[in-house]
Amino acid sequence: DEDWEPKQITYDALKPKTLAPSPDTVIVDVREPAELLEGHIPTAHNLPLTHVLAGGFALDAPAFEAQFGWAKPRKDQEVIIYCKKGKRSSIAADSAKKAGYTNIVEYRGSWLDWATRE
């Protein structure tokens, strides 16, 4: 499905999810660990794009948690993906879809948008 596009989320819709986290939603930051020194969206978990492209979303749950230090999202869970400016998040969303995820949401404004609004 080459025309597939992930659902989009805006800052205004994402902010409440960071203030009242839900077990139905996980926020994934696909920037590299060194980039997190700039800050990150509250409650987000880091899964660098290099690991996404190496099959991170396809790992089984125990291997995922052992490698990344947080529980692997369920395939039906809302997975909100962001990066620095929206390019890597699009690539990661495609990888998640290929790994069988069905509720992928992209925050295309990403870190640069969040940081200017906080």
PDB file of N, CA and C in Angstrom:
ATOM      1  N   ASP A   1       0.853  -1.190   0.000  1.00  0.00           N
ATOM      2  CA  ASP A   1       0.000   0.000   0.000  1.00  0.00           C
ATOM      3  C   ASP A   1       0.889   1.240   0.000  1.00  0.00           C
ATOM      4  N   GLU A   2       1.321   1.619  -1.176  1.00  0.00           N
ATOM      5  CA  GLU A   2       2.279   2.721  -1.293  1.00  0.00           C
ATOM      6  C   GLU A   2       1.673   4.071  -0.982  1.00  0.00           C
ATOM      7  N   ASP A   3       0.350   4.190  -1.037  1.00  0.00           N
ATOM      8  CA  ASP A   3      -0.299   5.472  -0.775  1.00  0.00           C
ATOM      9  C   ASP A   3      -0.620   5.659   0.701  1.00  0.00           C
ATOM     10  N   TRP A   4      -0.304   4.659   1.527  1.00  0.00           N
ATOM     11  CA  TRP A   4      -0.617   4.740   2.946  1.00  0.00           C
ATOM     12  C   TRP A   4       0.096   5.923   3.581  1.00  0.00           C
ATOM     13  N   GLU A   5      -0.633   6.634   4.415  1.00  0.00           N
ATOM     14  CA  GLU A   5      -0.064   7.725   5.212  1.00  0.00           C
ATOM     15  C   GLU A   5      -0.508   7.507   6.652  1.00  0.00           C
ATOM     16  N   PRO A   6       0.399   7.671   7.614  1.00  0.00           N
ATOM     17  CA  PRO A   6      -0.039   7.544   9.006  1.00  0.00           C
ATOM     18  C   PRO A   6      -0.975   8.683   9.374  1.00  0.00           C
ATOM     19  N   LYS A   7      -1.817   8.421  10.368  1.00  0.00           N
ATOM     20  CA  LYS A   7      -2.622   9.512  10.928  1.00  0.00           C
ATOM     21  C   LYS A   7      -1.657  10.555  11.471  1.00  0.00           C
ATOM     22  N   GLN A   8      -2.102  11.800  11.510  1.00  0.00           N
ATOM     23  CA  GLN A   8      -1.266  12.889  12.018  1.00  0.00           C
ATOM     24  C   GLN A   8      -1.831  13.376  13.347  1.00  0.00           C
ATOM     25  N   ILE A   9      -0.948  13.890  14.195  1.00  0.00           N
ATOM     26  CA  ILE A   9      -1.370  14.499  15.450  1.00  0.00           C
ATOM     27  C   ILE A   9      -0.682  15.860  15.566  1.00  0.00           C
ATOM     28  N   THR A  10      -1.372  16.802  16.164  1.00  0.00           N
ATOM     29  CA  THR A  10      -0.822  18.139  16.369  1.00  0.00           C
ATOM     30  C   THR A  10      -0.329  18.277  17.804  1.00  0.00           C
ATOM     31  N   TYR A  11       0.409  19.330  18.055  1.00  0.00           N
ATOM     32  CA  TYR A  11       0.859  19.635  19.415  1.00  0.00           C
ATOM     33  C   TYR A  11      -0.335  19.699  20.363  1.00  0.00           C
ATOM     34  N   ASP A  12      -1.395  20.409  19.954  1.00  0.00           N
ATOM     35  CA  ASP A  12      -2.550  20.600  20.839  1.00  0.00           C
ATOM     36  C   ASP A  12      -3.232  19.284  21.194  1.00  0.00           C
ATOM     37  N   ALA A  13      -3.199  18.315  20.295  1.00  0.00           N
ATOM     38  CA  ALA A  13      -3.792  17.005  20.579  1.00  0.00           C
ATOM     39  C   ALA A  13      -2.830  16.108  21.364  1.00  0.00           C
ATOM     40  N   LEU A  14      -1.530  16.297  21.155  1.00  0.00           N
ATOM     41  CA  LEU A  14      -0.534  15.462  21.830  1.00  0.00           C
ATOM     42  C   LEU A  14      -0.302  15.881  23.278  1.00  0.00           C
ATOM     43  N   LYS A  15      -0.295  17.161  23.544  1.00  0.00           N
ATOM     44  CA  LYS A  15       0.034  17.675  24.887  1.00  0.00           C
ATOM     45  C   LYS A  15      -0.783  16.989  25.992  1.00  0.00           C
ATOM     46  N   PRO A  16      -2.131  16.871  25.865  1.00  0.00           N
ATOM     47  CA  PRO A  16      -2.889  16.206  26.940  1.00  0.00           C
ATOM     48  C   PRO A  16      -2.467  14.753  27.166  1.00  0.00           C
ATOM     49  N   LYS A  17      -2.015  14.075  26.117  1.00  0.00           N
ATOM     50  CA  LYS A  17      -1.591  12.680  26.256  1.00  0.00           C
ATOM     51  C   LYS A  17      -0.313  12.575  27.089  1.00  0.00           C
ATOM     52  N   THR A  18       0.494  13.638  27.112  1.00  0.00           N
ATOM     53  CA  THR A  18       1.717  13.616  27.921  1.00  0.00           C
ATOM     54  C   THR A  18       1.415  13.946  29.374  1.00  0.00           C
ATOM     55  N   LEU A  19       0.310  14.635  29.613  1.00  0.00           N
ATOM     56  CA  LEU A  19      -0.063  15.020  30.979  1.00  0.00           C
ATOM     57  C   LEU A  19      -0.851  13.927  31.683  1.00  0.00           C
ATOM     58  N   ALA A  20      -1.561  13.118  30.913  1.00  0.00           N
ATOM     59  CA  ALA A  20      -2.365  12.026  31.469  1.00  0.00           C
ATOM     60  C   ALA A  20      -2.101  10.771  30.641  1.00  0.00           C
ATOM     61  N   PRO A  21      -0.925  10.158  30.834  1.00  0.00           N
ATOM     62  CA  PRO A  21      -0.571   8.989  30.022  1.00  0.00           C
ATOM     63  C   PRO A  21      -1.600   7.869  30.147  1.00  0.00           C
ATOM     64  N   SER A  22      -1.810   7.173  29.049  1.00  0.00           N
ATOM     65  CA  SER A  22      -2.757   6.066  28.996  1.00  0.00           C
ATOM     66  C   SER A  22      -2.016   4.798  28.593  1.00  0.00           C
ATOM     67  N   PRO A  23      -2.417   3.650  29.141  1.00  0.00           N
ATOM     68  CA  PRO A  23      -1.795   2.403  28.696  1.00  0.00           C
ATOM     69  C   PRO A  23      -2.116   2.078  27.239  1.00  0.00           C
ATOM     70  N   ASP A  24      -3.071   2.800  26.653  1.00  0.00           N
ATOM     71  CA  ASP A  24      -3.441   2.554  25.258  1.00  0.00           C
ATOM     72  C   ASP A  24      -2.564   3.315  24.274  1.00  0.00           C
ATOM     73  N   THR A  25      -1.692   4.187  24.775  1.00  0.00           N
ATOM     74  CA  THR A  25      -0.865   5.032  23.907  1.00  0.00           C
ATOM     75  C   THR A  25       0.591   4.951  24.329  1.00  0.00           C
ATOM     76  N   VAL A  26       1.489   4.871  23.358  1.00  0.00           N
ATOM     77  CA  VAL A  26       2.923   4.973  23.630  1.00  0.00           C
ATOM     78  C   VAL A  26       3.503   5.995  22.655  1.00  0.00           C
ATOM     79  N   ILE A  27       4.369   6.866  23.187  1.00  0.00           N
ATOM     80  CA  ILE A  27       5.020   7.889  22.372  1.00  0.00           C
ATOM     81  C   ILE A  27       6.458   7.436  22.137  1.00  0.00           C
ATOM     82  N   VAL A  28       6.861   7.397  20.868  1.00  0.00           N
ATOM     83  CA  VAL A  28       8.176   6.880  20.491  1.00  0.00           C
ATOM     84  C   VAL A  28       8.988   7.985  19.814  1.00  0.00           C
ATOM     85  N   ASP A  29      10.158   8.257  20.371  1.00  0.00           N
ATOM     86  CA  ASP A  29      11.104   9.241  19.846  1.00  0.00           C
ATOM     87  C   ASP A  29      12.151   8.469  19.050  1.00  0.00           C
ATOM     88  N   VAL A  30      12.240   8.705  17.742  1.00  0.00           N
ATOM     89  CA  VAL A  30      13.164   7.930  16.910  1.00  0.00           C
ATOM     90  C   VAL A  30      14.480   8.663  16.638  1.00  0.00           C
ATOM     91  N   ARG A  31      14.752   9.721  17.414  1.00  0.00           N
ATOM     92  CA  ARG A  31      16.053  10.386  17.283  1.00  0.00           C
ATOM     93  C   ARG A  31      17.142   9.516  17.915  1.00  0.00           C
ATOM     94  N   GLU A  32      18.388   9.831  17.591  1.00  0.00           N
ATOM     95  CA  GLU A  32      19.517   9.111  18.183  1.00  0.00           C
ATOM     96  C   GLU A  32      19.696   9.560  19.636  1.00  0.00           C
ATOM     97  N   PRO A  33      20.248   8.686  20.503  1.00  0.00           N
ATOM     98  CA  PRO A  33      20.355   9.022  21.922  1.00  0.00           C
ATOM     99  C   PRO A  33      21.027  10.367  22.208  1.00  0.00           C
ATOM    100  N   ALA A  34      22.068  10.729  21.482  1.00  0.00           N
ATOM    101  CA  ALA A  34      22.755  12.001  21.741  1.00  0.00           C
ATOM    102  C   ALA A  34      21.825  13.193  21.531  1.00  0.00           C
ATOM    103  N   GLU A  35      20.853  13.051  20.619  1.00  0.00           N
ATOM    104  CA  GLU A  35      19.921  14.144  20.348  1.00  0.00           C
ATOM    105  C   GLU A  35      18.972  14.392  21.521  1.00  0.00           C
ATOM    106  N   LEU A  36      18.805  13.395  22.374  1.00  0.00           N
ATOM    107  CA  LEU A  36      17.896  13.542  23.507  1.00  0.00           C
ATOM    108  C   LEU A  36      18.421  14.549  24.525  1.00  0.00           C
ATOM    109  N   LEU A  37      19.692  14.898  24.422  1.00  0.00           N
ATOM    110  CA  LEU A  37      20.251  15.909  25.320  1.00  0.00           C
ATOM    111  C   LEU A  37      19.553  17.253  25.124  1.00  0.00           C
ATOM    112  N   GLU A  38      18.987  17.483  23.932  1.00  0.00           N
ATOM    113  CA  GLU A  38      18.229  18.713  23.667  1.00  0.00           C
ATOM    114  C   GLU A  38      16.912  18.718  24.440  1.00  0.00           C
ATOM    115  N   GLY A  39      16.491  17.549  24.876  1.00  0.00           N
ATOM    116  CA  GLY A  39      15.210  17.390  25.543  1.00  0.00           C
ATOM    117  C   GLY A  39      14.374  16.369  24.804  1.00  0.00           C
ATOM    118  N   HIS A  40      13.235  16.026  25.388  1.00  0.00           N
ATOM    119  CA  HIS A  40      12.321  15.091  24.729  1.00  0.00           C
ATOM    120  C   HIS A  40      10.907  15.369  25.223  1.00  0.00           C
ATOM    121  N   ILE A  41       9.945  14.831  24.510  1.00  0.00           N
ATOM    122  CA  ILE A  41       8.549  14.984  24.897  1.00  0.00           C
ATOM    123  C   ILE A  41       8.302  14.100  26.125  1.00  0.00           C
ATOM    124  N   PRO A  42       7.670  14.656  27.170  1.00  0.00           N
ATOM    125  CA  PRO A  42       7.432  13.856  28.380  1.00  0.00           C
ATOM    126  C   PRO A  42       6.712  12.541  28.064  1.00  0.00           C
ATOM    127  N   THR A  43       7.114  11.499  28.735  1.00  0.00           N
ATOM    128  CA  THR A  43       6.598  10.124  28.648  1.00  0.00           C
ATOM    129  C   THR A  43       7.067   9.379  27.396  1.00  0.00           C
ATOM    130  N   ALA A  44       7.836  10.017  26.512  1.00  0.00           N
ATOM    131  CA  ALA A  44       8.298   9.342  25.291  1.00  0.00           C
ATOM    132  C   ALA A  44       9.395   8.333  25.607  1.00  0.00           C
ATOM    133  N   HIS A  45       9.417   7.271  24.801  1.00  0.00           N
ATOM    134  CA  HIS A  45      10.465   6.253  24.868  1.00  0.00           C
ATOM    135  C   HIS A  45      11.332   6.388  23.623  1.00  0.00           C
ATOM    136  N   ASN A  46      12.628   6.136  23.783  1.00  0.00           N
ATOM    137  CA  ASN A  46      13.550   6.261  22.656  1.00  0.00           C
ATOM    138  C   ASN A  46      13.712   4.931  21.935  1.00  0.00           C
ATOM    139  N   LEU A  47      13.526   4.967  20.622  1.00  0.00           N
ATOM    140  CA  LEU A  47      13.803   3.840  19.729  1.00  0.00           C
ATOM    141  C   LEU A  47      14.436   4.454  18.485  1.00  0.00           C
ATOM    142  N   PRO A  48      15.774   4.592  18.467  1.00  0.00           N
ATOM    143  CA  PRO A  48      16.429   5.293  17.364  1.00  0.00           C
ATOM    144  C   PRO A  48      16.089   4.685  16.008  1.00  0.00           C
ATOM    145  N   LEU A  49      15.971   5.558  15.006  1.00  0.00           N
ATOM    146  CA  LEU A  49      15.615   5.096  13.663  1.00  0.00           C
ATOM    147  C   LEU A  49      16.577   4.016  13.175  1.00  0.00           C
ATOM    148  N   THR A  50      17.852   4.111  13.518  1.00  0.00           N
ATOM    149  CA  THR A  50      18.795   3.075  13.088  1.00  0.00           C
ATOM    150  C   THR A  50      18.341   1.700  13.579  1.00  0.00           C
ATOM    151  N   HIS A  51      17.782   1.633  14.787  1.00  0.00           N
ATOM    152  CA  HIS A  51      17.285   0.361  15.327  1.00  0.00           C
ATOM    153  C   HIS A  51      15.934  -0.012  14.717  1.00  0.00           C
ATOM    154  N   VAL A  52      15.110   0.989  14.398  1.00  0.00           N
ATOM    155  CA  VAL A  52      13.846   0.713  13.699  1.00  0.00           C
ATOM    156  C   VAL A  52      14.157   0.035  12.366  1.00  0.00           C
ATOM    157  N   LEU A  53      15.094   0.621  11.614  1.00  0.00           N
ATOM    158  CA  LEU A  53      15.427   0.088  10.291  1.00  0.00           C
ATOM    159  C   LEU A  53      16.103  -1.271  10.380  1.00  0.00           C
ATOM    160  N   ALA A  54      16.715  -1.567  11.518  1.00  0.00           N
ATOM    161  CA  ALA A  54      17.344  -2.875  11.726  1.00  0.00           C
ATOM    162  C   ALA A  54      16.338  -3.912  12.222  1.00  0.00           C
ATOM    163  N   GLY A  55      15.043  -3.561  12.222  1.00  0.00           N
ATOM    164  CA  GLY A  55      14.013  -4.526  12.592  1.00  0.00           C
ATOM    165  C   GLY A  55      13.509  -4.410  14.013  1.00  0.00           C
ATOM    166  N   GLY A  56      13.719  -3.276  14.651  1.00  0.00           N
ATOM    167  CA  GLY A  56      13.310  -3.102  16.047  1.00  0.00           C
ATOM    168  C   GLY A  56      11.856  -3.423  16.320  1.00  0.00           C
ATOM    169  N   PHE A  57      10.948  -2.956  15.455  1.00  0.00           N
ATOM    170  CA  PHE A  57       9.521  -3.210  15.682  1.00  0.00           C
ATOM    171  C   PHE A  57       9.156  -4.675  15.448  1.00  0.00           C
ATOM    172  N   ALA A  58      10.029  -5.429  14.780  1.00  0.00           N
ATOM    173  CA  ALA A  58       9.742  -6.834  14.488  1.00  0.00           C
ATOM    174  C   ALA A  58      10.271  -7.786  15.564  1.00  0.00           C
ATOM    175  N   LEU A  59      11.070  -7.277  16.502  1.00  0.00           N
ATOM    176  CA  LEU A  59      11.578  -8.135  17.578  1.00  0.00           C
ATOM    177  C   LEU A  59      10.423  -8.672  18.417  1.00  0.00           C
ATOM    178  N   ASP A  60      10.626  -9.861  19.022  1.00  0.00           N
ATOM    179  CA  ASP A  60       9.599 -10.320  19.956  1.00  0.00           C
ATOM    180  C   ASP A  60       9.701  -9.485  21.235  1.00  0.00           C
ATOM    181  N   ALA A  61       8.650  -9.538  22.052  1.00  0.00           N
ATOM    182  CA  ALA A  61       8.556  -8.643  23.208  1.00  0.00           C
ATOM    183  C   ALA A  61       9.740  -8.770  24.175  1.00  0.00           C
ATOM    184  N   PRO A  62      10.174 -10.000  24.554  1.00  0.00           N
ATOM    185  CA  PRO A  62      11.309 -10.082  25.481  1.00  0.00           C
ATOM    186  C   PRO A  62      12.597  -9.495  24.898  1.00  0.00           C
ATOM    187  N   ALA A  63      12.865  -9.758  23.619  1.00  0.00           N
ATOM    188  CA  ALA A  63      14.082  -9.232  22.987  1.00  0.00           C
ATOM    189  C   ALA A  63      14.011  -7.711  22.878  1.00  0.00           C
ATOM    190  N   PHE A  64      12.830  -7.187  22.556  1.00  0.00           N
ATOM    191  CA  PHE A  64      12.647  -5.737  22.448  1.00  0.00           C
ATOM    192  C   PHE A  64      12.947  -5.074  23.788  1.00  0.00           C
ATOM    193  N   GLU A  65      12.335  -5.606  24.852  1.00  0.00           N
ATOM    194  CA  GLU A  65      12.525  -5.004  26.177  1.00  0.00           C
ATOM    195  C   GLU A  65      13.976  -5.132  26.638  1.00  0.00           C
ATOM    196  N   ALA A  66      14.612  -6.262  26.337  1.00  0.00           N
ATOM    197  CA  ALA A  66      16.013  -6.446  26.721  1.00  0.00           C
ATOM    198  C   ALA A  66      16.914  -5.442  26.001  1.00  0.00           C
ATOM    199  N   GLN A  67      16.622  -5.181  24.731  1.00  0.00           N
ATOM    200  CA  GLN A  67      17.475  -4.282  23.955  1.00  0.00           C
ATOM    201  C   GLN A  67      17.213  -2.809  24.262  1.00  0.00           C
ATOM    202  N   PHE A  68      15.949  -2.433  24.433  1.00  0.00           N
ATOM    203  CA  PHE A  68      15.613  -1.008  24.517  1.00  0.00           C
ATOM    204  C   PHE A  68      15.210  -0.537  25.913  1.00  0.00           C
ATOM    205  N   GLY A  69      14.931  -1.473  26.834  1.00  0.00           N
ATOM    206  CA  GLY A  69      14.665  -1.088  28.211  1.00  0.00           C
ATOM    207  C   GLY A  69      13.249  -0.617  28.491  1.00  0.00           C
ATOM    208  N   TRP A  70      12.329  -0.876  27.580  1.00  0.00           N
ATOM    209  CA  TRP A  70      10.919  -0.548  27.812  1.00  0.00           C
ATOM    210  C   TRP A  70      10.068  -1.560  27.061  1.00  0.00           C
ATOM    211  N   ALA A  71       8.822  -1.699  27.492  1.00  0.00           N
ATOM    212  CA  ALA A  71       7.950  -2.746  26.952  1.00  0.00           C
ATOM    213  C   ALA A  71       7.600  -2.475  25.492  1.00  0.00           C
ATOM    214  N   LYS A  72       7.663  -3.511  24.683  1.00  0.00           N
ATOM    215  CA  LYS A  72       7.303  -3.377  23.270  1.00  0.00           C
ATOM    216  C   LYS A  72       5.826  -3.011  23.156  1.00  0.00           C
ATOM    217  N   PRO A  73       5.511  -2.018  22.319  1.00  0.00           N
ATOM    218  CA  PRO A  73       4.096  -1.674  22.129  1.00  0.00           C
ATOM    219  C   PRO A  73       3.323  -2.851  21.521  1.00  0.00           C
ATOM    220  N   ARG A  74       2.053  -2.953  21.921  1.00  0.00           N
ATOM    221  CA  ARG A  74       1.173  -3.930  21.280  1.00  0.00           C
ATOM    222  C   ARG A  74       0.866  -3.443  19.864  1.00  0.00           C
ATOM    223  N   LYS A  75       0.549  -4.371  18.985  1.00  0.00           N
ATOM    224  CA  LYS A  75       0.317  -3.980  17.582  1.00  0.00           C
ATOM    225  C   LYS A  75      -0.927  -3.126  17.398  1.00  0.00           C
ATOM    226  N   ASP A  76      -1.891  -3.218  18.350  1.00  0.00           N
ATOM    227  CA  ASP A  76      -3.114  -2.412  18.235  1.00  0.00           C
ATOM    228  C   ASP A  76      -3.052  -1.151  19.096  1.00  0.00           C
ATOM    229  N   GLN A  77      -1.964  -0.982  19.825  1.00  0.00           N
ATOM    230  CA  GLN A  77      -1.801   0.194  20.681  1.00  0.00           C
ATOM    231  C   GLN A  77      -1.570   1.429  19.806  1.00  0.00           C
ATOM    232  N   GLU A  78      -2.045   2.588  20.281  1.00  0.00           N
ATOM    233  CA  GLU A  78      -1.741   3.825  19.564  1.00  0.00           C
ATOM    234  C   GLU A  78      -0.251   4.114  19.745  1.00  0.00           C
ATOM    235  N   VAL A  79       0.480   4.148  18.632  1.00  0.00           N
ATOM    236  CA  VAL A  79       1.917   4.403  18.654  1.00  0.00           C
ATOM    237  C   VAL A  79       2.148   5.751  17.980  1.00  0.00           C
ATOM    238  N   ILE A  80       2.518   6.754  18.786  1.00  0.00           N
ATOM    239  CA  ILE A  80       2.770   8.100  18.271  1.00  0.00           C
ATOM    240  C   ILE A  80       4.274   8.236  18.070  1.00  0.00           C
ATOM    241  N   ILE A  81       4.679   8.533  16.844  1.00  0.00           N
ATOM    242  CA  ILE A  81       6.095   8.569  16.487  1.00  0.00           C
ATOM    243  C   ILE A  81       6.513   9.999  16.162  1.00  0.00           C
ATOM    244  N   TYR A  82       7.665  10.400  16.701  1.00  0.00           N
ATOM    245  CA  TYR A  82       8.215  11.708  16.330  1.00  0.00           C
ATOM    246  C   TYR A  82       9.736  11.633  16.266  1.00  0.00           C
ATOM    247  N   CYS A  83      10.342  12.667  15.654  1.00  0.00           N
ATOM    248  CA  CYS A  83      11.796  12.764  15.568  1.00  0.00           C
ATOM    249  C   CYS A  83      12.183  14.210  15.838  1.00  0.00           C
ATOM    250  N   LYS A  84      13.080  14.781  15.046  1.00  0.00           N
ATOM    251  CA  LYS A  84      13.461  16.179  15.249  1.00  0.00           C
ATOM    252  C   LYS A  84      12.591  17.107  14.421  1.00  0.00           C
ATOM    253  N   LYS A  85      12.422  16.767  13.122  1.00  0.00           N
ATOM    254  CA  LYS A  85      11.663  17.678  12.265  1.00  0.00           C
ATOM    255  C   LYS A  85      10.670  16.986  11.348  1.00  0.00           C
ATOM    256  N   GLY A  86      10.470  15.688  11.476  1.00  0.00           N
ATOM    257  CA  GLY A  86       9.402  15.010  10.753  1.00  0.00           C
ATOM    258  C   GLY A  86       9.812  14.060   9.651  1.00  0.00           C
ATOM    259  N   LYS A  87      11.078  14.021   9.280  1.00  0.00           N
ATOM    260  CA  LYS A  87      11.487  13.121   8.202  1.00  0.00           C
ATOM    261  C   LYS A  87      11.646  11.683   8.709  1.00  0.00           C
ATOM    262  N   ARG A  88      12.417  11.511   9.770  1.00  0.00           N
ATOM    263  CA  ARG A  88      12.644  10.152  10.292  1.00  0.00           C
ATOM    264  C   ARG A  88      11.367   9.536  10.841  1.00  0.00           C
ATOM    265  N   SER A  89      10.466  10.375  11.382  1.00  0.00           N
ATOM    266  CA  SER A  89       9.214   9.826  11.914  1.00  0.00           C
ATOM    267  C   SER A  89       8.391   9.179  10.805  1.00  0.00           C
ATOM    268  N   SER A  90       8.417   9.751   9.602  1.00  0.00           N
ATOM    269  CA  SER A  90       7.684   9.159   8.472  1.00  0.00           C
ATOM    270  C   SER A  90       8.268   7.802   8.100  1.00  0.00           C
ATOM    271  N   ILE A  91       9.591   7.713   8.077  1.00  0.00           N
ATOM    272  CA  ILE A  91      10.263   6.449   7.756  1.00  0.00           C
ATOM    273  C   ILE A  91       9.938   5.399   8.825  1.00  0.00           C
ATOM    274  N   ALA A  92       9.990   5.809  10.090  1.00  0.00           N
ATOM    275  CA  ALA A  92       9.702   4.880  11.191  1.00  0.00           C
ATOM    276  C   ALA A  92       8.252   4.415  11.156  1.00  0.00           C
ATOM    277  N   ALA A  93       7.327   5.320  10.802  1.00  0.00           N
ATOM    278  CA  ALA A  93       5.911   4.937  10.708  1.00  0.00           C
ATOM    279  C   ALA A  93       5.730   3.852   9.652  1.00  0.00           C
ATOM    280  N   ASP A  94       6.402   3.985   8.519  1.00  0.00           N
ATOM    281  CA  ASP A  94       6.326   2.956   7.474  1.00  0.00           C
ATOM    282  C   ASP A  94       6.864   1.621   7.987  1.00  0.00           C
ATOM    283  N   SER A  95       7.969   1.664   8.734  1.00  0.00           N
ATOM    284  CA  SER A  95       8.542   0.428   9.284  1.00  0.00           C
ATOM    285  C   SER A  95       7.594  -0.225  10.279  1.00  0.00           C
ATOM    286  N   ALA A  96       6.936   0.594  11.108  1.00  0.00           N
ATOM    287  CA  ALA A  96       5.978   0.047  12.072  1.00  0.00           C
ATOM    288  C   ALA A  96       4.813  -0.618  11.349  1.00  0.00           C
ATOM    289  N   LYS A  97       4.328   0.011  10.287  1.00  0.00           N
ATOM    290  CA  LYS A  97       3.227  -0.579   9.518  1.00  0.00           C
ATOM    291  C   LYS A  97       3.652  -1.919   8.932  1.00  0.00           C
ATOM    292  N   LYS A  98       4.859  -1.977   8.380  1.00  0.00           N
ATOM    293  CA  LYS A  98       5.356  -3.225   7.790  1.00  0.00           C
ATOM    294  C   LYS A  98       5.493  -4.317   8.842  1.00  0.00           C
ATOM    295  N   ALA A  99       5.721  -3.913  10.108  1.00  0.00           N
ATOM    296  CA  ALA A  99       5.853  -4.885  11.202  1.00  0.00           C
ATOM    297  C   ALA A  99       4.495  -5.275  11.783  1.00  0.00           C
ATOM    298  N   GLY A 100       3.400  -4.757  11.195  1.00  0.00           N
ATOM    299  CA  GLY A 100       2.068  -5.180  11.612  1.00  0.00           C
ATOM    300  C   GLY A 100       1.334  -4.244  12.546  1.00  0.00           C
ATOM    301  N   TYR A 101       1.886  -3.077  12.803  1.00  0.00           N
ATOM    302  CA  TYR A 101       1.195  -2.111  13.673  1.00  0.00           C
ATOM    303  C   TYR A 101       0.035  -1.482  12.915  1.00  0.00           C
ATOM    304  N   THR A 102      -1.082  -1.296  13.622  1.00  0.00           N
ATOM    305  CA  THR A 102      -2.316  -0.861  12.955  1.00  0.00           C
ATOM    306  C   THR A 102      -2.813   0.499  13.410  1.00  0.00           C
ATOM    307  N   ASN A 103      -2.211   1.082  14.456  1.00  0.00           N
ATOM    308  CA  ASN A 103      -2.702   2.358  14.995  1.00  0.00           C
ATOM    309  C   ASN A 103      -1.521   3.318  15.139  1.00  0.00           C
ATOM    310  N   ILE A 104      -0.914   3.649  14.006  1.00  0.00           N
ATOM    311  CA  ILE A 104       0.291   4.474  13.975  1.00  0.00           C
ATOM    312  C   ILE A 104      -0.108   5.927  13.749  1.00  0.00           C
ATOM    313  N   VAL A 105       0.452   6.800  14.577  1.00  0.00           N
ATOM    314  CA  VAL A 105       0.175   8.232  14.477  1.00  0.00           C
ATOM    315  C   VAL A 105       1.517   8.951  14.406  1.00  0.00           C
ATOM    316  N   GLU A 106       1.625   9.894  13.485  1.00  0.00           N
ATOM    317  CA  GLU A 106       2.873  10.639  13.345  1.00  0.00           C
ATOM    318  C   GLU A 106       2.688  12.074  13.819  1.00  0.00           C
ATOM    319  N   TYR A 107       3.614  12.518  14.654  1.00  0.00           N
ATOM    320  CA  TYR A 107       3.667  13.931  15.048  1.00  0.00           C
ATOM    321  C   TYR A 107       4.714  14.565  14.143  1.00  0.00           C
ATOM    322  N   ARG A 108       4.270  15.028  12.978  1.00  0.00           N
ATOM    323  CA  ARG A 108       5.205  15.494  11.963  1.00  0.00           C
ATOM    324  C   ARG A 108       5.912  16.781  12.388  1.00  0.00           C
ATOM    325  N   GLY A 109       5.270  17.589  13.244  1.00  0.00           N
ATOM    326  CA  GLY A 109       5.954  18.778  13.758  1.00  0.00           C
ATOM    327  C   GLY A 109       7.181  18.408  14.577  1.00  0.00           C
ATOM    328  N   SER A 110       7.100  17.268  15.227  1.00  0.00           N
ATOM    329  CA  SER A 110       8.193  16.649  15.968  1.00  0.00           C
ATOM    330  C   SER A 110       8.818  17.569  17.014  1.00  0.00           C
ATOM    331  N   TRP A 111      10.071  17.278  17.378  1.00  0.00           N
ATOM    332  CA  TRP A 111      10.709  17.970  18.489  1.00  0.00           C
ATOM    333  C   TRP A 111      10.799  19.475  18.261  1.00  0.00           C
ATOM    334  N   LEU A 112      11.109  19.902  17.039  1.00  0.00           N
ATOM    335  CA  LEU A 112      11.266  21.339  16.803  1.00  0.00           C
ATOM    336  C   LEU A 112       9.963  22.078  17.077  1.00  0.00           C
ATOM    337  N   ASP A 113       8.833  21.505  16.678  1.00  0.00           N
ATOM    338  CA  ASP A 113       7.529  22.120  16.939  1.00  0.00           C
ATOM    339  C   ASP A 113       7.248  22.128  18.443  1.00  0.00           C
ATOM    340  N   TRP A 114       7.453  20.982  19.094  1.00  0.00           N
ATOM    341  CA  TRP A 114       7.189  20.862  20.532  1.00  0.00           C
ATOM    342  C   TRP A 114       8.026  21.879  21.308  1.00  0.00           C
ATOM    343  N   ALA A 115       9.316  21.950  21.006  1.00  0.00           N
ATOM    344  CA  ALA A 115      10.227  22.810  21.765  1.00  0.00           C
ATOM    345  C   ALA A 115       9.849  24.288  21.636  1.00  0.00           C
ATOM    346  N   THR A 116       9.329  24.702  20.490  1.00  0.00           N
ATOM    347  CA  THR A 116       8.953  26.114  20.339  1.00  0.00           C
ATOM    348  C   THR A 116       7.669  26.432  21.086  1.00  0.00           C
ATOM    349  N   ARG A 117       6.866  25.417  21.407  1.00  0.00           N
ATOM    350  CA  ARG A 117       5.568  25.645  22.061  1.00  0.00           C
ATOM    351  C   ARG A 117       5.623  25.457  23.571  1.00  0.00           C
ATOM    352  N   GLU A 118       6.682  24.858  24.064  1.00  0.00           N
ATOM    353  CA  GLU A 118       6.770  24.569  25.505  1.00  0.00           C
ATOM    354  C   GLU A 118       7.391  25.721  26.270  1.00  0.00           C
TER     355      GLU A 118
END
